[in-house]
Amino acid sequence: MSLQPYASAETALAVTTSAPEVSEEERQKRIKDAEELQAKLTYISEKVPTRIMNTAGSNAGAGSGEFHMYRMARRREMLRLARIDEAAAQAETEAQFRDKKARLLSEDEERTARRREKRQKKRKKHTADLDAGSAGLEHARSKSAGSDTDPESHQPALD
């Protein structure tokens, strides 16, 4: 049985030449399965971190350099934990800031809406008073149109 490498150099596949009982469809299926497996293995080897833990510590029987390696590994771990804590604290601070900002904006919007409503109410009342006042003024002018001696008849009505 001789093995010949498959045409693709990327995959680690080998096709046997002395197996005539395998149909072309079966061969294609095996090649496809092998490529999928190779893709999974590549993903695992590239994406999953490989941890090499040096478990030597400052115990009896360790060499003179083992303590320093232990100390450096411990310092790296402490720095990693500090970065994680700092990131969590920063995320919490940002969340509090966003909440406070949203709360203040909603309070501002409520205050603005109340004031807008008050202004519109006042404006509506003012225009209603002007309409009523102008109707009353016309009525008063028509009554006093005959008398030119009245000094107030020449003055415009001030509200």
C-alpha atoms as a PDB file:
ATOM      1  CA  MET A   1       0.000   0.000   0.000  1.00  0.00           C
ATOM      2  CA  SER A   2       1.624   3.232  -1.079  1.00  0.00           C
ATOM      3  CA  LEU A   3       0.554   6.671   0.113  1.00  0.00           C
ATOM      4  CA  GLN A   4       0.518   9.676  -2.139  1.00  0.00           C
ATOM      5  CA  PRO A   5       0.012  13.149  -0.695  1.00  0.00           C
ATOM      6  CA  TYR A   6      -3.104  14.971  -1.728  1.00  0.00           C
ATOM      7  CA  ALA A   7      -2.658  17.863  -4.166  1.00  0.00           C
ATOM      8  CA  SER A   8      -3.216  20.561  -1.527  1.00  0.00           C
ATOM      9  CA  ALA A   9      -0.141  21.319   0.552  1.00  0.00           C
ATOM     10  CA  GLU A  10      -2.225  23.015   3.252  1.00  0.00           C
ATOM     11  CA  THR A  11      -3.956  19.882   4.422  1.00  0.00           C
ATOM     12  CA  ALA A  12      -2.269  16.867   5.857  1.00  0.00           C
ATOM     13  CA  LEU A  13      -4.223  14.357   3.783  1.00  0.00           C
ATOM     14  CA  ALA A  14      -3.025  11.180   2.152  1.00  0.00           C
ATOM     15  CA  VAL A  15      -4.962   9.229  -0.434  1.00  0.00           C
ATOM     16  CA  THR A  16      -4.297   5.524  -0.925  1.00  0.00           C
ATOM     17  CA  THR A  17      -3.832   4.297  -4.454  1.00  0.00           C
ATOM     18  CA  SER A  18      -4.414   0.598  -3.791  1.00  0.00           C
ATOM     19  CA  ALA A  19      -7.988   0.950  -2.553  1.00  0.00           C
ATOM     20  CA  PRO A  20     -10.159   0.696  -5.670  1.00  0.00           C
ATOM     21  CA  GLU A  21     -13.254  -0.240  -3.641  1.00  0.00           C
ATOM     22  CA  VAL A  22     -13.676   3.387  -2.446  1.00  0.00           C
ATOM     23  CA  SER A  23     -16.026   5.265  -4.752  1.00  0.00           C
ATOM     24  CA  GLU A  24     -15.372   8.811  -5.933  1.00  0.00           C
ATOM     25  CA  GLU A  25     -18.231  10.187  -3.794  1.00  0.00           C
ATOM     26  CA  GLU A  26     -16.861   8.449  -0.708  1.00  0.00           C
ATOM     27  CA  ARG A  27     -13.403   9.786  -1.476  1.00  0.00           C
ATOM     28  CA  GLN A  28     -14.742  13.342  -1.863  1.00  0.00           C
ATOM     29  CA  LYS A  29     -16.681  12.992   1.399  1.00  0.00           C
ATOM     30  CA  ARG A  30     -13.556  11.820   3.234  1.00  0.00           C
ATOM     31  CA  ILE A  31     -11.539  14.680   1.788  1.00  0.00           C
ATOM     32  CA  LYS A  32     -14.216  17.190   2.854  1.00  0.00           C
ATOM     33  CA  ASP A  33     -14.348  15.711   6.384  1.00  0.00           C
ATOM     34  CA  ALA A  34     -10.571  15.816   6.616  1.00  0.00           C
ATOM     35  CA  GLU A  35     -10.512  19.470   5.513  1.00  0.00           C
ATOM     36  CA  GLU A  36     -13.146  20.358   8.108  1.00  0.00           C
ATOM     37  CA  LEU A  37     -11.134  18.572  10.774  1.00  0.00           C
ATOM     38  CA  GLN A  38      -7.988  20.383   9.674  1.00  0.00           C
ATOM     39  CA  ALA A  39      -9.842  23.720   9.871  1.00  0.00           C
ATOM     40  CA  LYS A  40     -11.000  22.909  13.407  1.00  0.00           C
ATOM     41  CA  LEU A  41      -7.508  21.914  14.477  1.00  0.00           C
ATOM     42  CA  THR A  42      -6.062  25.092  12.969  1.00  0.00           C
ATOM     43  CA  TYR A  43      -8.664  27.168  14.809  1.00  0.00           C
ATOM     44  CA  ILE A  44      -7.876  25.427  18.092  1.00  0.00           C
ATOM     45  CA  SER A  45      -4.139  25.816  17.685  1.00  0.00           C
ATOM     46  CA  GLU A  46      -4.409  29.512  16.755  1.00  0.00           C
ATOM     47  CA  LYS A  47      -7.223  30.751  18.982  1.00  0.00           C
ATOM     48  CA  VAL A  48      -6.938  28.733  22.184  1.00  0.00           C
ATOM     49  CA  PRO A  49      -4.061  30.019  24.297  1.00  0.00           C
ATOM     50  CA  THR A  50      -1.498  27.513  25.457  1.00  0.00           C
ATOM     51  CA  ARG A  51      -0.648  28.030  29.093  1.00  0.00           C
ATOM     52  CA  ILE A  52       2.707  26.875  30.259  1.00  0.00           C
ATOM     53  CA  MET A  53       2.669  27.082  33.997  1.00  0.00           C
ATOM     54  CA  ASN A  54       5.953  26.975  35.818  1.00  0.00           C
ATOM     55  CA  THR A  55       4.944  25.484  39.139  1.00  0.00           C
ATOM     56  CA  ALA A  56       8.297  25.865  40.812  1.00  0.00           C
ATOM     57  CA  GLY A  57       8.101  27.887  44.006  1.00  0.00           C
ATOM     58  CA  SER A  58      10.318  29.008  46.842  1.00  0.00           C
ATOM     59  CA  ASN A  59      10.378  25.651  48.574  1.00  0.00           C
ATOM     60  CA  ALA A  60      13.241  23.492  49.757  1.00  0.00           C
ATOM     61  CA  GLY A  61      15.115  21.694  47.019  1.00  0.00           C
ATOM     62  CA  ALA A  62      14.517  24.389  44.423  1.00  0.00           C
ATOM     63  CA  GLY A  63      17.459  25.853  42.614  1.00  0.00           C
ATOM     64  CA  SER A  64      18.732  29.379  43.109  1.00  0.00           C
ATOM     65  CA  GLY A  65      16.897  30.709  40.049  1.00  0.00           C
ATOM     66  CA  GLU A  66      13.523  29.110  40.797  1.00  0.00           C
ATOM     67  CA  PHE A  67      12.507  31.723  43.343  1.00  0.00           C
ATOM     68  CA  HIS A  68      13.046  34.538  40.855  1.00  0.00           C
ATOM     69  CA  MET A  69      10.972  32.727  38.242  1.00  0.00           C
ATOM     70  CA  TYR A  70       8.245  32.206  40.839  1.00  0.00           C
ATOM     71  CA  ARG A  71       8.405  35.857  41.833  1.00  0.00           C
ATOM     72  CA  MET A  72       8.131  37.043  38.202  1.00  0.00           C
ATOM     73  CA  ALA A  73       5.188  34.713  37.521  1.00  0.00           C
ATOM     74  CA  ARG A  74       3.479  35.934  40.678  1.00  0.00           C
ATOM     75  CA  ARG A  75       4.051  39.572  39.698  1.00  0.00           C
ATOM     76  CA  ARG A  76       2.604  38.938  36.220  1.00  0.00           C
ATOM     77  CA  GLU A  77      -0.483  37.351  37.749  1.00  0.00           C
ATOM     78  CA  MET A  78      -0.917  40.214  40.221  1.00  0.00           C
ATOM     79  CA  LEU A  79      -0.636  42.754  37.394  1.00  0.00           C
ATOM     80  CA  ARG A  80      -3.198  40.814  35.366  1.00  0.00           C
ATOM     81  CA  LEU A  81      -5.622  40.783  38.301  1.00  0.00           C
ATOM     82  CA  ALA A  82      -5.038  44.491  38.897  1.00  0.00           C
ATOM     83  CA  ARG A  83      -5.836  45.233  35.225  1.00  0.00           C
ATOM     84  CA  ILE A  84      -9.037  43.200  35.495  1.00  0.00           C
ATOM     85  CA  ASP A  85     -10.073  45.080  38.663  1.00  0.00           C
ATOM     86  CA  GLU A  86      -9.231  48.425  37.067  1.00  0.00           C
ATOM     87  CA  ALA A  87     -11.259  47.597  33.952  1.00  0.00           C
ATOM     88  CA  ALA A  88     -14.229  46.548  36.104  1.00  0.00           C
ATOM     89  CA  ALA A  89     -14.020  49.746  38.160  1.00  0.00           C
ATOM     90  CA  GLN A  90     -13.819  51.854  35.002  1.00  0.00           C
ATOM     91  CA  ALA A  91     -16.816  50.053  33.492  1.00  0.00           C
ATOM     92  CA  GLU A  92     -18.794  50.645  36.692  1.00  0.00           C
ATOM     93  CA  THR A  93     -17.846  54.333  36.730  1.00  0.00           C
ATOM     94  CA  GLU A  94     -18.895  54.707  33.106  1.00  0.00           C
ATOM     95  CA  ALA A  95     -22.203  52.960  33.800  1.00  0.00           C
ATOM     96  CA  GLN A  96     -22.870  55.291  36.732  1.00  0.00           C
ATOM     97  CA  PHE A  97     -22.016  58.284  34.552  1.00  0.00           C
ATOM     98  CA  ARG A  98     -24.389  57.138  31.792  1.00  0.00           C
ATOM     99  CA  ASP A  99     -27.175  56.557  34.324  1.00  0.00           C
ATOM    100  CA  LYS A 100     -26.669  59.971  35.920  1.00  0.00           C
ATOM    101  CA  LYS A 101     -26.537  61.655  32.512  1.00  0.00           C
ATOM    102  CA  ALA A 102     -29.756  59.936  31.412  1.00  0.00           C
ATOM    103  CA  ARG A 103     -31.450  60.882  34.685  1.00  0.00           C
ATOM    104  CA  LEU A 104     -30.381  64.519  34.403  1.00  0.00           C
ATOM    105  CA  LEU A 105     -31.487  64.703  30.767  1.00  0.00           C
ATOM    106  CA  SER A 106     -34.915  63.310  31.620  1.00  0.00           C
ATOM    107  CA  GLU A 107     -35.288  65.762  34.526  1.00  0.00           C
ATOM    108  CA  ASP A 108     -34.225  68.583  32.223  1.00  0.00           C
ATOM    109  CA  GLU A 109     -36.737  67.493  29.605  1.00  0.00           C
ATOM    110  CA  GLU A 110     -39.529  67.305  32.210  1.00  0.00           C
ATOM    111  CA  ARG A 111     -38.649  70.772  33.511  1.00  0.00           C
ATOM    112  CA  THR A 112     -38.572  72.156  29.969  1.00  0.00           C
ATOM    113  CA  ALA A 113     -41.934  70.553  29.170  1.00  0.00           C
ATOM    114  CA  ARG A 114     -43.524  72.058  32.297  1.00  0.00           C
ATOM    115  CA  ARG A 115     -42.144  75.503  31.490  1.00  0.00           C
ATOM    116  CA  ARG A 116     -43.209  75.218  27.837  1.00  0.00           C
ATOM    117  CA  GLU A 117     -46.718  74.293  28.954  1.00  0.00           C
ATOM    118  CA  LYS A 118     -46.770  77.241  31.341  1.00  0.00           C
ATOM    119  CA  ARG A 119     -45.599  79.630  28.590  1.00  0.00           C
ATOM    120  CA  GLN A 120     -48.189  78.336  26.149  1.00  0.00           C
ATOM    121  CA  LYS A 121     -50.908  78.637  28.769  1.00  0.00           C
ATOM    122  CA  LYS A 122     -49.848  82.193  29.530  1.00  0.00           C
ATOM    123  CA  ARG A 123     -49.653  83.063  25.822  1.00  0.00           C
ATOM    124  CA  LYS A 124     -53.084  81.571  25.202  1.00  0.00           C
ATOM    125  CA  LYS A 125     -54.551  83.521  28.107  1.00  0.00           C
ATOM    126  CA  HIS A 126     -52.844  86.694  26.922  1.00  0.00           C
ATOM    127  CA  THR A 127     -54.208  86.338  23.380  1.00  0.00           C
ATOM    128  CA  ALA A 128     -57.676  85.617  24.780  1.00  0.00           C
ATOM    129  CA  ASP A 129     -57.454  88.761  26.922  1.00  0.00           C
ATOM    130  CA  LEU A 130     -56.303  90.785  23.918  1.00  0.00           C
ATOM    131  CA  ASP A 131     -59.205  89.491  21.844  1.00  0.00           C
ATOM    132  CA  ALA A 132     -61.673  90.309  24.611  1.00  0.00           C
ATOM    133  CA  GLY A 133     -60.016  93.671  25.228  1.00  0.00           C
ATOM    134  CA  SER A 134     -60.032  94.680  21.577  1.00  0.00           C
ATOM    135  CA  ALA A 135     -63.713  93.783  21.288  1.00  0.00           C
ATOM    136  CA  GLY A 136     -64.447  95.847  24.380  1.00  0.00           C
ATOM    137  CA  LEU A 137     -62.283  98.708  23.080  1.00  0.00           C
ATOM    138  CA  GLU A 138     -64.143  98.803  19.761  1.00  0.00           C
ATOM    139  CA  HIS A 139     -67.409  98.854  21.647  1.00  0.00           C
ATOM    140  CA  ALA A 140     -66.147 101.715  23.830  1.00  0.00           C
ATOM    141  CA  ARG A 141     -64.876 103.632  20.780  1.00  0.00           C
ATOM    142  CA  SER A 142     -68.167 103.297  19.004  1.00  0.00           C
ATOM    143  CA  LYS A 143     -69.941 104.720  22.066  1.00  0.00           C
ATOM    144  CA  SER A 144     -67.570 107.647  22.428  1.00  0.00           C
ATOM    145  CA  ALA A 145     -67.116 108.378  18.742  1.00  0.00           C
ATOM    146  CA  GLY A 146     -69.381 111.399  19.003  1.00  0.00           C
ATOM    147  CA  SER A 147     -67.472 113.190  21.771  1.00  0.00           C
ATOM    148  CA  ASP A 148     -64.196 114.846  20.813  1.00  0.00           C
ATOM    149  CA  THR A 149     -63.723 116.381  24.231  1.00  0.00           C
ATOM    150  CA  ASP A 150     -62.688 113.146  25.881  1.00  0.00           C
ATOM    151  CA  PRO A 151     -58.849 113.135  26.073  1.00  0.00           C
ATOM    152  CA  GLU A 152     -58.631 109.400  26.659  1.00  0.00           C
ATOM    153  CA  SER A 153     -60.495 108.552  23.475  1.00  0.00           C
ATOM    154  CA  HIS A 154     -57.416 109.457  21.430  1.00  0.00           C
ATOM    155  CA  GLN A 155     -55.099 107.250  23.513  1.00  0.00           C
ATOM    156  CA  PRO A 156     -54.657 103.612  22.441  1.00  0.00           C
ATOM    157  CA  ALA A 157     -55.637 101.012  24.990  1.00  0.00           C
ATOM    158  CA  LEU A 158     -52.669  99.550  26.872  1.00  0.00           C
ATOM    159  CA  ASP A 159     -52.962  96.170  28.454  1.00  0.00           C
END
